[in-house]
Amino acid sequence: MNIVLWVLQILLGAAFLMAGVMKTTQPKEKLAGNMSWVNRRSAGTVKFIGATELLGGLGLILPWATGIAPVLTPLAAVGLAIIMVLAIGDHVQAKEYNVILVNVIIGALAVIIAVGRF
């Protein structure tokens, strides 16, 4: 089970790191081409979401890998699952049903990590 959790942590952590870097470094207008939801948010909010994803991605990997405050890993997973629930709510409100499945899968993986590491 430990190996499965590590694989999930690394994959999900890398995905959130990449998403976070993209949202914090790219202008909102450039992101709008692939992510329609950014048009409903301010540039600051998009950067904030990116920063939380970036920190969450780091939190999935570093605390457990270093042994320094390993409780932060499942807490990061819970935080990322909450972000996915909020994203699902936003997509439902905007009637963007085609992207909800991705958020459900990512959120479920975060929950699996949280439960496995608590």
PDB file of N, CA and C in Angstrom:
ATOM      1  N   MET A   1       0.828  -1.205   0.000  1.00  0.00           N
ATOM      2  CA  MET A   1       0.000   0.000   0.000  1.00  0.00           C
ATOM      3  C   MET A   1       0.868   1.262   0.000  1.00  0.00           C
ATOM      4  N   ASN A   2       2.008   1.191   0.694  1.00  0.00           N
ATOM      5  CA  ASN A   2       2.894   2.346   0.752  1.00  0.00           C
ATOM      6  C   ASN A   2       3.374   2.744  -0.640  1.00  0.00           C
ATOM      7  N   ILE A   3       3.678   1.767  -1.472  1.00  0.00           N
ATOM      8  CA  ILE A   3       4.146   2.062  -2.835  1.00  0.00           C
ATOM      9  C   ILE A   3       3.039   2.727  -3.647  1.00  0.00           C
ATOM     10  N   VAL A   4       1.817   2.225  -3.515  1.00  0.00           N
ATOM     11  CA  VAL A   4       0.678   2.819  -4.237  1.00  0.00           C
ATOM     12  C   VAL A   4       0.486   4.262  -3.803  1.00  0.00           C
ATOM     13  N   LEU A   5       0.552   4.508  -2.513  1.00  0.00           N
ATOM     14  CA  LEU A   5       0.390   5.877  -2.017  1.00  0.00           C
ATOM     15  C   LEU A   5       1.509   6.778  -2.523  1.00  0.00           C
ATOM     16  N   TRP A   6       2.739   6.272  -2.550  1.00  0.00           N
ATOM     17  CA  TRP A   6       3.848   7.074  -3.063  1.00  0.00           C
ATOM     18  C   TRP A   6       3.660   7.412  -4.536  1.00  0.00           C
ATOM     19  N   VAL A   7       3.222   6.429  -5.312  1.00  0.00           N
ATOM     20  CA  VAL A   7       2.982   6.689  -6.738  1.00  0.00           C
ATOM     21  C   VAL A   7       1.913   7.764  -6.893  1.00  0.00           C
ATOM     22  N   LEU A   8       0.822   7.637  -6.138  1.00  0.00           N
ATOM     23  CA  LEU A   8      -0.248   8.645  -6.204  1.00  0.00           C
ATOM     24  C   LEU A   8       0.252  10.011  -5.754  1.00  0.00           C
ATOM     25  N   GLN A   9       1.019  10.050  -4.679  1.00  0.00           N
ATOM     26  CA  GLN A   9       1.539  11.321  -4.186  1.00  0.00           C
ATOM     27  C   GLN A   9       2.431  11.995  -5.219  1.00  0.00           C
ATOM     28  N   ILE A  10       3.305  11.231  -5.846  1.00  0.00           N
ATOM     29  CA  ILE A  10       4.225  11.810  -6.824  1.00  0.00           C
ATOM     30  C   ILE A  10       3.469  12.290  -8.057  1.00  0.00           C
ATOM     31  N   LEU A  11       2.552  11.461  -8.571  1.00  0.00           N
ATOM     32  CA  LEU A  11       1.802  11.854  -9.769  1.00  0.00           C
ATOM     33  C   LEU A  11       0.908  13.064  -9.501  1.00  0.00           C
ATOM     34  N   LEU A  12       0.144  12.999  -8.411  1.00  0.00           N
ATOM     35  CA  LEU A  12      -0.752  14.112  -8.099  1.00  0.00           C
ATOM     36  C   LEU A  12       0.044  15.355  -7.709  1.00  0.00           C
ATOM     37  N   GLY A  13       1.129  15.157  -6.962  1.00  0.00           N
ATOM     38  CA  GLY A  13       1.973  16.284  -6.590  1.00  0.00           C
ATOM     39  C   GLY A  13       2.556  16.972  -7.809  1.00  0.00           C
ATOM     40  N   ALA A  14       3.057  16.178  -8.754  1.00  0.00           N
ATOM     41  CA  ALA A  14       3.622  16.752  -9.983  1.00  0.00           C
ATOM     42  C   ALA A  14       2.550  17.481 -10.783  1.00  0.00           C
ATOM     43  N   ALA A  15       1.352  16.908 -10.864  1.00  0.00           N
ATOM     44  CA  ALA A  15       0.263  17.554 -11.609  1.00  0.00           C
ATOM     45  C   ALA A  15      -0.097  18.901 -10.988  1.00  0.00           C
ATOM     46  N   PHE A  16      -0.202  18.934  -9.660  1.00  0.00           N
ATOM     47  CA  PHE A  16      -0.546  20.195  -9.004  1.00  0.00           C
ATOM     48  C   PHE A  16       0.607  21.191  -9.058  1.00  0.00           C
ATOM     49  N   LEU A  17       1.832  20.705  -9.002  1.00  0.00           N
ATOM     50  CA  LEU A  17       2.973  21.613  -9.157  1.00  0.00           C
ATOM     51  C   LEU A  17       2.951  22.279 -10.522  1.00  0.00           C
ATOM     52  N   MET A  18       2.738  21.484 -11.567  1.00  0.00           N
ATOM     53  CA  MET A  18       2.700  22.044 -12.924  1.00  0.00           C
ATOM     54  C   MET A  18       1.530  23.014 -13.086  1.00  0.00           C
ATOM     55  N   ALA A  19       0.364  22.626 -12.582  1.00  0.00           N
ATOM     56  CA  ALA A  19      -0.809  23.506 -12.688  1.00  0.00           C
ATOM     57  C   ALA A  19      -0.580  24.793 -11.908  1.00  0.00           C
ATOM     58  N   GLY A  20       0.006  24.672 -10.726  1.00  0.00           N
ATOM     59  CA  GLY A  20       0.265  25.847  -9.908  1.00  0.00           C
ATOM     60  C   GLY A  20       1.264  26.794 -10.536  1.00  0.00           C
ATOM     61  N   VAL A  21       2.332  26.240 -11.084  1.00  0.00           N
ATOM     62  CA  VAL A  21       3.332  27.085 -11.749  1.00  0.00           C
ATOM     63  C   VAL A  21       2.701  27.787 -12.944  1.00  0.00           C
ATOM     64  N   MET A  22       1.915  27.054 -13.710  1.00  0.00           N
ATOM     65  CA  MET A  22       1.278  27.646 -14.884  1.00  0.00           C
ATOM     66  C   MET A  22       0.354  28.805 -14.480  1.00  0.00           C
ATOM     67  N   LYS A  23      -0.456  28.592 -13.446  1.00  0.00           N
ATOM     68  CA  LYS A  23      -1.415  29.629 -13.044  1.00  0.00           C
ATOM     69  C   LYS A  23      -0.742  30.817 -12.381  1.00  0.00           C
ATOM     70  N   THR A  24       0.389  30.611 -11.743  1.00  0.00           N
ATOM     71  CA  THR A  24       1.060  31.732 -11.082  1.00  0.00           C
ATOM     72  C   THR A  24       1.993  32.504 -12.006  1.00  0.00           C
ATOM     73  N   THR A  25       2.399  31.906 -13.118  1.00  0.00           N
ATOM     74  CA  THR A  25       3.355  32.580 -13.990  1.00  0.00           C
ATOM     75  C   THR A  25       2.758  33.086 -15.304  1.00  0.00           C
ATOM     76  N   GLN A  26       1.648  32.534 -15.744  1.00  0.00           N
ATOM     77  CA  GLN A  26       1.046  32.924 -17.021  1.00  0.00           C
ATOM     78  C   GLN A  26       0.003  34.014 -16.804  1.00  0.00           C
ATOM     79  N   PRO A  27      -0.128  34.935 -17.735  1.00  0.00           N
ATOM     80  CA  PRO A  27      -1.199  35.928 -17.618  1.00  0.00           C
ATOM     81  C   PRO A  27      -2.569  35.269 -17.786  1.00  0.00           C
ATOM     82  N   LYS A  28      -3.535  35.859 -17.144  1.00  0.00           N
ATOM     83  CA  LYS A  28      -4.902  35.331 -17.166  1.00  0.00           C
ATOM     84  C   LYS A  28      -5.400  35.142 -18.598  1.00  0.00           C
ATOM     85  N   GLU A  29      -5.099  36.057 -19.466  1.00  0.00           N
ATOM     86  CA  GLU A  29      -5.577  35.997 -20.848  1.00  0.00           C
ATOM     87  C   GLU A  29      -5.038  34.759 -21.582  1.00  0.00           C
ATOM     88  N   LYS A  30      -3.819  34.388 -21.289  1.00  0.00           N
ATOM     89  CA  LYS A  30      -3.234  33.205 -21.925  1.00  0.00           C
ATOM     90  C   LYS A  30      -3.879  31.922 -21.394  1.00  0.00           C
ATOM     91  N   LEU A  31      -4.201  31.910 -20.119  1.00  0.00           N
ATOM     92  CA  LEU A  31      -4.842  30.741 -19.516  1.00  0.00           C
ATOM     93  C   LEU A  31      -6.269  30.552 -20.005  1.00  0.00           C
ATOM     94  N   ALA A  32      -6.928  31.637 -20.361  1.00  0.00           N
ATOM     95  CA  ALA A  32      -8.345  31.580 -20.756  1.00  0.00           C
ATOM     96  C   ALA A  32      -8.575  30.712 -21.977  1.00  0.00           C
ATOM     97  N   GLY A  33      -7.572  30.507 -22.804  1.00  0.00           N
ATOM     98  CA  GLY A  33      -7.728  29.671 -23.987  1.00  0.00           C
ATOM     99  C   GLY A  33      -8.035  28.223 -23.647  1.00  0.00           C
ATOM    100  N   ASN A  34      -7.429  27.713 -22.569  1.00  0.00           N
ATOM    101  CA  ASN A  34      -7.635  26.321 -22.176  1.00  0.00           C
ATOM    102  C   ASN A  34      -8.539  26.160 -20.966  1.00  0.00           C
ATOM    103  N   MET A  35      -8.701  27.210 -20.197  1.00  0.00           N
ATOM    104  CA  MET A  35      -9.491  27.145 -18.963  1.00  0.00           C
ATOM    105  C   MET A  35     -10.511  28.269 -18.957  1.00  0.00           C
ATOM    106  N   SER A  36     -11.719  27.944 -19.332  1.00  0.00           N
ATOM    107  CA  SER A  36     -12.745  28.991 -19.439  1.00  0.00           C
ATOM    108  C   SER A  36     -13.101  29.596 -18.083  1.00  0.00           C
ATOM    109  N   TRP A  37     -12.874  28.870 -17.010  1.00  0.00           N
ATOM    110  CA  TRP A  37     -13.243  29.373 -15.693  1.00  0.00           C
ATOM    111  C   TRP A  37     -12.459  30.612 -15.287  1.00  0.00           C
ATOM    112  N   VAL A  38     -11.263  30.824 -15.858  1.00  0.00           N
ATOM    113  CA  VAL A  38     -10.477  31.997 -15.454  1.00  0.00           C
ATOM    114  C   VAL A  38     -11.170  33.299 -15.843  1.00  0.00           C
ATOM    115  N   ASN A  39     -12.042  33.248 -16.842  1.00  0.00           N
ATOM    116  CA  ASN A  39     -12.778  34.461 -17.229  1.00  0.00           C
ATOM    117  C   ASN A  39     -13.753  34.906 -16.146  1.00  0.00           C
ATOM    118  N   ARG A  40     -14.133  33.992 -15.262  1.00  0.00           N
ATOM    119  CA  ARG A  40     -15.077  34.320 -14.184  1.00  0.00           C
ATOM    120  C   ARG A  40     -14.361  34.768 -12.914  1.00  0.00           C
ATOM    121  N   ARG A  41     -13.049  34.816 -12.940  1.00  0.00           N
ATOM    122  CA  ARG A  41     -12.259  35.164 -11.761  1.00  0.00           C
ATOM    123  C   ARG A  41     -11.298  36.302 -12.081  1.00  0.00           C
ATOM    124  N   SER A  42     -10.896  37.016 -11.041  1.00  0.00           N
ATOM    125  CA  SER A  42      -9.906  38.079 -11.226  1.00  0.00           C
ATOM    126  C   SER A  42      -8.522  37.443 -11.402  1.00  0.00           C
ATOM    127  N   ALA A  43      -7.597  38.215 -11.923  1.00  0.00           N
ATOM    128  CA  ALA A  43      -6.236  37.719 -12.111  1.00  0.00           C
ATOM    129  C   ALA A  43      -5.616  37.323 -10.770  1.00  0.00           C
ATOM    130  N   GLY A  44      -5.901  38.091  -9.733  1.00  0.00           N
ATOM    131  CA  GLY A  44      -5.388  37.773  -8.401  1.00  0.00           C
ATOM    132  C   GLY A  44      -5.929  36.457  -7.860  1.00  0.00           C
ATOM    133  N   THR A  45      -7.198  36.201  -8.112  1.00  0.00           N
ATOM    134  CA  THR A  45      -7.802  34.943  -7.660  1.00  0.00           C
ATOM    135  C   THR A  45      -7.187  33.756  -8.392  1.00  0.00           C
ATOM    136  N   VAL A  46      -6.953  33.912  -9.688  1.00  0.00           N
ATOM    137  CA  VAL A  46      -6.323  32.832 -10.462  1.00  0.00           C
ATOM    138  C   VAL A  46      -4.929  32.555  -9.917  1.00  0.00           C
ATOM    139  N   LYS A  47      -4.169  33.593  -9.617  1.00  0.00           N
ATOM    140  CA  LYS A  47      -2.829  33.423  -9.059  1.00  0.00           C
ATOM    141  C   LYS A  47      -2.894  32.785  -7.669  1.00  0.00           C
ATOM    142  N   PHE A  48      -3.893  33.172  -6.874  1.00  0.00           N
ATOM    143  CA  PHE A  48      -4.066  32.580  -5.539  1.00  0.00           C
ATOM    144  C   PHE A  48      -4.366  31.088  -5.647  1.00  0.00           C
ATOM    145  N   ILE A  49      -5.259  30.719  -6.558  1.00  0.00           N
ATOM    146  CA  ILE A  49      -5.573  29.307  -6.772  1.00  0.00           C
ATOM    147  C   ILE A  49      -4.308  28.561  -7.199  1.00  0.00           C
ATOM    148  N   GLY A  50      -3.539  29.165  -8.091  1.00  0.00           N
ATOM    149  CA  GLY A  50      -2.284  28.555  -8.520  1.00  0.00           C
ATOM    150  C   GLY A  50      -1.311  28.373  -7.365  1.00  0.00           C
ATOM    151  N   ALA A  51      -1.231  29.366  -6.499  1.00  0.00           N
ATOM    152  CA  ALA A  51      -0.317  29.271  -5.354  1.00  0.00           C
ATOM    153  C   ALA A  51      -0.754  28.164  -4.397  1.00  0.00           C
ATOM    154  N   THR A  52      -2.061  28.028  -4.172  1.00  0.00           N
ATOM    155  CA  THR A  52      -2.529  26.957  -3.290  1.00  0.00           C
ATOM    156  C   THR A  52      -2.259  25.585  -3.911  1.00  0.00           C
ATOM    157  N   GLU A  53      -2.416  25.488  -5.228  1.00  0.00           N
ATOM    158  CA  GLU A  53      -2.116  24.223  -5.897  1.00  0.00           C
ATOM    159  C   GLU A  53      -0.621  23.915  -5.839  1.00  0.00           C
ATOM    160  N   LEU A  54       0.183  24.910  -6.007  1.00  0.00           N
ATOM    161  CA  LEU A  54       1.638  24.744  -5.935  1.00  0.00           C
ATOM    162  C   LEU A  54       2.057  24.270  -4.544  1.00  0.00           C
ATOM    163  N   LEU A  55       1.559  24.937  -3.526  1.00  0.00           N
ATOM    164  CA  LEU A  55       1.886  24.539  -2.157  1.00  0.00           C
ATOM    165  C   LEU A  55       1.320  23.157  -1.819  1.00  0.00           C
ATOM    166  N   GLY A  56       0.115  22.871  -2.308  1.00  0.00           N
ATOM    167  CA  GLY A  56      -0.477  21.555  -2.078  1.00  0.00           C
ATOM    168  C   GLY A  56       0.342  20.448  -2.731  1.00  0.00           C
ATOM    169  N   GLY A  57       0.824  20.712  -3.945  1.00  0.00           N
ATOM    170  CA  GLY A  57       1.666  19.736  -4.633  1.00  0.00           C
ATOM    171  C   GLY A  57       2.954  19.458  -3.862  1.00  0.00           C
ATOM    172  N   LEU A  58       3.568  20.516  -3.363  1.00  0.00           N
ATOM    173  CA  LEU A  58       4.761  20.339  -2.534  1.00  0.00           C
ATOM    174  C   LEU A  58       4.423  19.594  -1.248  1.00  0.00           C
ATOM    175  N   GLY A  59       3.273  19.923  -0.675  1.00  0.00           N
ATOM    176  CA  GLY A  59       2.838  19.292   0.570  1.00  0.00           C
ATOM    177  C   GLY A  59       2.535  17.808   0.427  1.00  0.00           C
ATOM    178  N   LEU A  60       2.161  17.383  -0.770  1.00  0.00           N
ATOM    179  CA  LEU A  60       1.912  15.959  -0.983  1.00  0.00           C
ATOM    180  C   LEU A  60       3.205  15.145  -0.934  1.00  0.00           C
ATOM    181  N   ILE A  61       4.316  15.761  -1.270  1.00  0.00           N
ATOM    182  CA  ILE A  61       5.561  15.006  -1.425  1.00  0.00           C
ATOM    183  C   ILE A  61       6.565  15.281  -0.301  1.00  0.00           C
ATOM    184  N   LEU A  62       6.903  16.544  -0.089  1.00  0.00           N
ATOM    185  CA  LEU A  62       8.042  16.875   0.776  1.00  0.00           C
ATOM    186  C   LEU A  62       7.920  16.446   2.232  1.00  0.00           C
ATOM    187  N   PRO A  63       6.821  16.701   2.921  1.00  0.00           N
ATOM    188  CA  PRO A  63       6.792  16.317   4.344  1.00  0.00           C
ATOM    189  C   PRO A  63       6.973  14.815   4.566  1.00  0.00           C
ATOM    190  N   TRP A  64       6.302  14.009   3.757  1.00  0.00           N
ATOM    191  CA  TRP A  64       6.409  12.570   3.938  1.00  0.00           C
ATOM    192  C   TRP A  64       7.791  12.070   3.518  1.00  0.00           C
ATOM    193  N   ALA A  65       8.348  12.667   2.472  1.00  0.00           N
ATOM    194  CA  ALA A  65       9.661  12.235   1.980  1.00  0.00           C
ATOM    195  C   ALA A  65      10.785  12.593   2.947  1.00  0.00           C
ATOM    196  N   THR A  66      10.680  13.743   3.581  1.00  0.00           N
ATOM    197  CA  THR A  66      11.747  14.195   4.473  1.00  0.00           C
ATOM    198  C   THR A  66      11.547  13.724   5.910  1.00  0.00           C
ATOM    199  N   GLY A  67      10.318  13.361   6.248  1.00  0.00           N
ATOM    200  CA  GLY A  67      10.026  12.981   7.629  1.00  0.00           C
ATOM    201  C   GLY A  67       9.846  14.186   8.534  1.00  0.00           C
ATOM    202  N   ILE A  68       9.887  15.379   7.953  1.00  0.00           N
ATOM    203  CA  ILE A  68       9.681  16.607   8.727  1.00  0.00           C
ATOM    204  C   ILE A  68       8.201  16.956   8.668  1.00  0.00           C
ATOM    205  N   ALA A  69       7.535  16.879   9.793  1.00  0.00           N
ATOM    206  CA  ALA A  69       6.102  17.159   9.910  1.00  0.00           C
ATOM    207  C   ALA A  69       5.289  16.368   8.884  1.00  0.00           C
ATOM    208  N   PRO A  70       5.390  15.036   8.886  1.00  0.00           N
ATOM    209  CA  PRO A  70       4.691  14.235   7.884  1.00  0.00           C
ATOM    210  C   PRO A  70       3.170  14.363   7.931  1.00  0.00           C
ATOM    211  N   VAL A  71       2.626  14.870   9.014  1.00  0.00           N
ATOM    212  CA  VAL A  71       1.176  15.074   9.083  1.00  0.00           C
ATOM    213  C   VAL A  71       0.710  16.093   8.044  1.00  0.00           C
ATOM    214  N   LEU A  72       1.641  16.908   7.538  1.00  0.00           N
ATOM    215  CA  LEU A  72       1.276  17.900   6.526  1.00  0.00           C
ATOM    216  C   LEU A  72       0.881  17.254   5.196  1.00  0.00           C
ATOM    217  N   THR A  73       1.376  16.043   4.915  1.00  0.00           N
ATOM    218  CA  THR A  73       1.033  15.379   3.657  1.00  0.00           C
ATOM    219  C   THR A  73      -0.460  15.059   3.572  1.00  0.00           C
ATOM    220  N   PRO A  74      -1.058  14.374   4.561  1.00  0.00           N
ATOM    221  CA  PRO A  74      -2.504  14.145   4.446  1.00  0.00           C
ATOM    222  C   PRO A  74      -3.307  15.443   4.543  1.00  0.00           C
ATOM    223  N   LEU A  75      -2.797  16.418   5.275  1.00  0.00           N
ATOM    224  CA  LEU A  75      -3.504  17.708   5.339  1.00  0.00           C
ATOM    225  C   LEU A  75      -3.485  18.404   3.976  1.00  0.00           C
ATOM    226  N   ALA A  76      -2.359  18.313   3.275  1.00  0.00           N
ATOM    227  CA  ALA A  76      -2.290  18.877   1.919  1.00  0.00           C
ATOM    228  C   ALA A  76      -3.269  18.158   1.003  1.00  0.00           C
ATOM    229  N   ALA A  77      -3.370  16.835   1.148  1.00  0.00           N
ATOM    230  CA  ALA A  77      -4.308  16.066   0.329  1.00  0.00           C
ATOM    231  C   ALA A  77      -5.754  16.489   0.612  1.00  0.00           C
ATOM    232  N   VAL A  78      -6.080  16.722   1.870  1.00  0.00           N
ATOM    233  CA  VAL A  78      -7.427  17.199   2.217  1.00  0.00           C
ATOM    234  C   VAL A  78      -7.671  18.572   1.599  1.00  0.00           C
ATOM    235  N   GLY A  79      -6.684  19.448   1.690  1.00  0.00           N
ATOM    236  CA  GLY A  79      -6.825  20.781   1.096  1.00  0.00           C
ATOM    237  C   GLY A  79      -7.042  20.724  -0.408  1.00  0.00           C
ATOM    238  N   LEU A  80      -6.322  19.855  -1.084  1.00  0.00           N
ATOM    239  CA  LEU A  80      -6.490  19.722  -2.536  1.00  0.00           C
ATOM    240  C   LEU A  80      -7.842  19.100  -2.877  1.00  0.00           C
ATOM    241  N   ALA A  81      -8.315  18.180  -2.048  1.00  0.00           N
ATOM    242  CA  ALA A  81      -9.649  17.612  -2.266  1.00  0.00           C
ATOM    243  C   ALA A  81     -10.711  18.696  -2.120  1.00  0.00           C
ATOM    244  N   ILE A  82     -10.527  19.587  -1.156  1.00  0.00           N
ATOM    245  CA  ILE A  82     -11.470  20.704  -0.981  1.00  0.00           C
ATOM    246  C   ILE A  82     -11.443  21.613  -2.205  1.00  0.00           C
ATOM    247  N   ILE A  83     -10.259  21.877  -2.736  1.00  0.00           N
ATOM    248  CA  ILE A  83     -10.164  22.690  -3.950  1.00  0.00           C
ATOM    249  C   ILE A  83     -10.938  22.033  -5.086  1.00  0.00           C
ATOM    250  N   MET A  84     -10.850  20.710  -5.198  1.00  0.00           N
ATOM    251  CA  MET A  84     -11.573  19.999  -6.262  1.00  0.00           C
ATOM    252  C   MET A  84     -13.083  20.063  -6.057  1.00  0.00           C
ATOM    253  N   VAL A  85     -13.539  19.988  -4.807  1.00  0.00           N
ATOM    254  CA  VAL A  85     -14.980  20.129  -4.534  1.00  0.00           C
ATOM    255  C   VAL A  85     -15.453  21.521  -4.939  1.00  0.00           C
ATOM    256  N   LEU A  86     -14.666  22.531  -4.608  1.00  0.00           N
ATOM    257  CA  LEU A  86     -15.026  23.899  -5.001  1.00  0.00           C
ATOM    258  C   LEU A  86     -15.017  24.057  -6.522  1.00  0.00           C
ATOM    259  N   ALA A  87     -14.051  23.420  -7.184  1.00  0.00           N
ATOM    260  CA  ALA A  87     -13.992  23.479  -8.653  1.00  0.00           C
ATOM    261  C   ALA A  87     -15.217  22.806  -9.263  1.00  0.00           C
ATOM    262  N   ILE A  88     -15.637  21.678  -8.693  1.00  0.00           N
ATOM    263  CA  ILE A  88     -16.840  20.998  -9.188  1.00  0.00           C
ATOM    264  C   ILE A  88     -18.046  21.912  -9.051  1.00  0.00           C
ATOM    265  N   GLY A  89     -18.173  22.557  -7.903  1.00  0.00           N
ATOM    266  CA  GLY A  89     -19.289  23.487  -7.695  1.00  0.00           C
ATOM    267  C   GLY A  89     -19.274  24.626  -8.700  1.00  0.00           C
ATOM    268  N   ASP A  90     -18.099  25.152  -8.986  1.00  0.00           N
ATOM    269  CA  ASP A  90     -17.979  26.234  -9.960  1.00  0.00           C
ATOM    270  C   ASP A  90     -18.370  25.758 -11.353  1.00  0.00           C
ATOM    271  N   HIS A  91     -17.916  24.575 -11.738  1.00  0.00           N
ATOM    272  CA  HIS A  91     -18.239  24.048 -13.070  1.00  0.00           C
ATOM    273  C   HIS A  91     -19.729  23.710 -13.198  1.00  0.00           C
ATOM    274  N   VAL A  92     -20.329  23.219 -12.132  1.00  0.00           N
ATOM    275  CA  VAL A  92     -21.774  22.944 -12.168  1.00  0.00           C
ATOM    276  C   VAL A  92     -22.538  24.242 -12.340  1.00  0.00           C
ATOM    277  N   GLN A  93     -22.161  25.257 -11.581  1.00  0.00           N
ATOM    278  CA  GLN A  93     -22.826  26.544 -11.671  1.00  0.00           C
ATOM    279  C   GLN A  93     -22.714  27.134 -13.075  1.00  0.00           C
ATOM    280  N   ALA A  94     -21.573  26.912 -13.736  1.00  0.00           N
ATOM    281  CA  ALA A  94     -21.365  27.447 -15.085  1.00  0.00           C
ATOM    282  C   ALA A  94     -21.851  26.482 -16.167  1.00  0.00           C
ATOM    283  N   LYS A  95     -22.445  25.354 -15.740  1.00  0.00           N
ATOM    284  CA  LYS A  95     -22.943  24.334 -16.683  1.00  0.00           C
ATOM    285  C   LYS A  95     -21.835  23.768 -17.573  1.00  0.00           C
ATOM    286  N   GLU A  96     -20.641  23.628 -17.005  1.00  0.00           N
ATOM    287  CA  GLU A  96     -19.502  23.033 -17.712  1.00  0.00           C
ATOM    288  C   GLU A  96     -19.355  21.583 -17.252  1.00  0.00           C
ATOM    289  N   TYR A  97     -20.328  20.784 -17.598  1.00  0.00           N
ATOM    290  CA  TYR A  97     -20.392  19.413 -17.100  1.00  0.00           C
ATOM    291  C   TYR A  97     -19.298  18.517 -17.676  1.00  0.00           C
ATOM    292  N   ASN A  98     -18.751  18.879 -18.811  1.00  0.00           N
ATOM    293  CA  ASN A  98     -17.758  18.029 -19.473  1.00  0.00           C
ATOM    294  C   ASN A  98     -16.426  17.958 -18.724  1.00  0.00           C
ATOM    295  N   VAL A  99     -16.129  18.884 -17.835  1.00  0.00           N
ATOM    296  CA  VAL A  99     -14.848  18.879 -17.124  1.00  0.00           C
ATOM    297  C   VAL A  99     -14.956  18.388 -15.681  1.00  0.00           C
ATOM    298  N   ILE A 100     -16.154  18.104 -15.237  1.00  0.00           N
ATOM    299  CA  ILE A 100     -16.362  17.717 -13.846  1.00  0.00           C
ATOM    300  C   ILE A 100     -15.702  16.374 -13.530  1.00  0.00           C
ATOM    301  N   LEU A 101     -15.722  15.447 -14.458  1.00  0.00           N
ATOM    302  CA  LEU A 101     -15.156  14.126 -14.197  1.00  0.00           C
ATOM    303  C   LEU A 101     -13.677  14.207 -13.817  1.00  0.00           C
ATOM    304  N   VAL A 102     -12.945  15.090 -14.446  1.00  0.00           N
ATOM    305  CA  VAL A 102     -11.523  15.259 -14.118  1.00  0.00           C
ATOM    306  C   VAL A 102     -11.374  15.702 -12.672  1.00  0.00           C
ATOM    307  N   ASN A 103     -12.186  16.666 -12.238  1.00  0.00           N
ATOM    308  CA  ASN A 103     -12.133  17.135 -10.858  1.00  0.00           C
ATOM    309  C   ASN A 103     -12.528  16.031  -9.872  1.00  0.00           C
ATOM    310  N   VAL A 104     -13.507  15.219 -10.240  1.00  0.00           N
ATOM    311  CA  VAL A 104     -13.937  14.114  -9.374  1.00  0.00           C
ATOM    312  C   VAL A 104     -12.788  13.110  -9.207  1.00  0.00           C
ATOM    313  N   ILE A 105     -12.128  12.759 -10.297  1.00  0.00           N
ATOM    314  CA  ILE A 105     -11.033  11.780 -10.234  1.00  0.00           C
ATOM    315  C   ILE A 105      -9.868  12.325  -9.409  1.00  0.00           C
ATOM    316  N   ILE A 106      -9.480  13.564  -9.673  1.00  0.00           N
ATOM    317  CA  ILE A 106      -8.369  14.155  -8.928  1.00  0.00           C
ATOM    318  C   ILE A 106      -8.721  14.274  -7.448  1.00  0.00           C
ATOM    319  N   GLY A 107      -9.948  14.692  -7.160  1.00  0.00           N
ATOM    320  CA  GLY A 107     -10.393  14.787  -5.772  1.00  0.00           C
ATOM    321  C   GLY A 107     -10.401  13.435  -5.082  1.00  0.00           C
ATOM    322  N   ALA A 108     -10.840  12.400  -5.784  1.00  0.00           N
ATOM    323  CA  ALA A 108     -10.858  11.051  -5.208  1.00  0.00           C
ATOM    324  C   ALA A 108      -9.439  10.570  -4.912  1.00  0.00           C
ATOM    325  N   LEU A 109      -8.513  10.845  -5.800  1.00  0.00           N
ATOM    326  CA  LEU A 109      -7.114  10.461  -5.558  1.00  0.00           C
ATOM    327  C   LEU A 109      -6.554  11.192  -4.332  1.00  0.00           C
ATOM    328  N   ALA A 110      -6.904  12.456  -4.191  1.00  0.00           N
ATOM    329  CA  ALA A 110      -6.451  13.214  -3.010  1.00  0.00           C
ATOM    330  C   ALA A 110      -7.042  12.626  -1.731  1.00  0.00           C
ATOM    331  N   VAL A 111      -8.295  12.209  -1.778  1.00  0.00           N
ATOM    332  CA  VAL A 111      -8.929  11.593  -0.606  1.00  0.00           C
ATOM    333  C   VAL A 111      -8.237  10.262  -0.263  1.00  0.00           C
ATOM    334  N   ILE A 112      -7.909   9.481  -1.281  1.00  0.00           N
ATOM    335  CA  ILE A 112      -7.209   8.211  -1.053  1.00  0.00           C
ATOM    336  C   ILE A 112      -5.875   8.465  -0.367  1.00  0.00           C
ATOM    337  N   ILE A 113      -5.157   9.479  -0.804  1.00  0.00           N
ATOM    338  CA  ILE A 113      -3.877   9.819  -0.159  1.00  0.00           C
ATOM    339  C   ILE A 113      -4.110  10.256   1.281  1.00  0.00           C
ATOM    340  N   ALA A 114      -5.109  11.104   1.497  1.00  0.00           N
ATOM    341  CA  ALA A 114      -5.383  11.595   2.857  1.00  0.00           C
ATOM    342  C   ALA A 114      -5.716  10.447   3.791  1.00  0.00           C
ATOM    343  N   VAL A 115      -6.598   9.560   3.362  1.00  0.00           N
ATOM    344  CA  VAL A 115      -6.995   8.433   4.209  1.00  0.00           C
ATOM    345  C   VAL A 115      -5.813   7.492   4.429  1.00  0.00           C
ATOM    346  N   GLY A 116      -5.061   7.224   3.375  1.00  0.00           N
ATOM    347  CA  GLY A 116      -3.927   6.315   3.492  1.00  0.00           C
ATOM    348  C   GLY A 116      -2.803   6.828   4.362  1.00  0.00           C
ATOM    349  N   ARG A 117      -2.631   8.127   4.414  1.00  0.00           N
ATOM    350  CA  ARG A 117      -1.520   8.699   5.181  1.00  0.00           C
ATOM    351  C   ARG A 117      -1.920   9.149   6.577  1.00  0.00           C
ATOM    352  N   PHE A 118      -3.229   9.244   6.886  1.00  0.00           N
ATOM    353  CA  PHE A 118      -3.630   9.599   8.258  1.00  0.00           C
ATOM    354  C   PHE A 118      -3.487   8.398   9.105  1.00  0.00           C
TER     355      PHE A 118
END
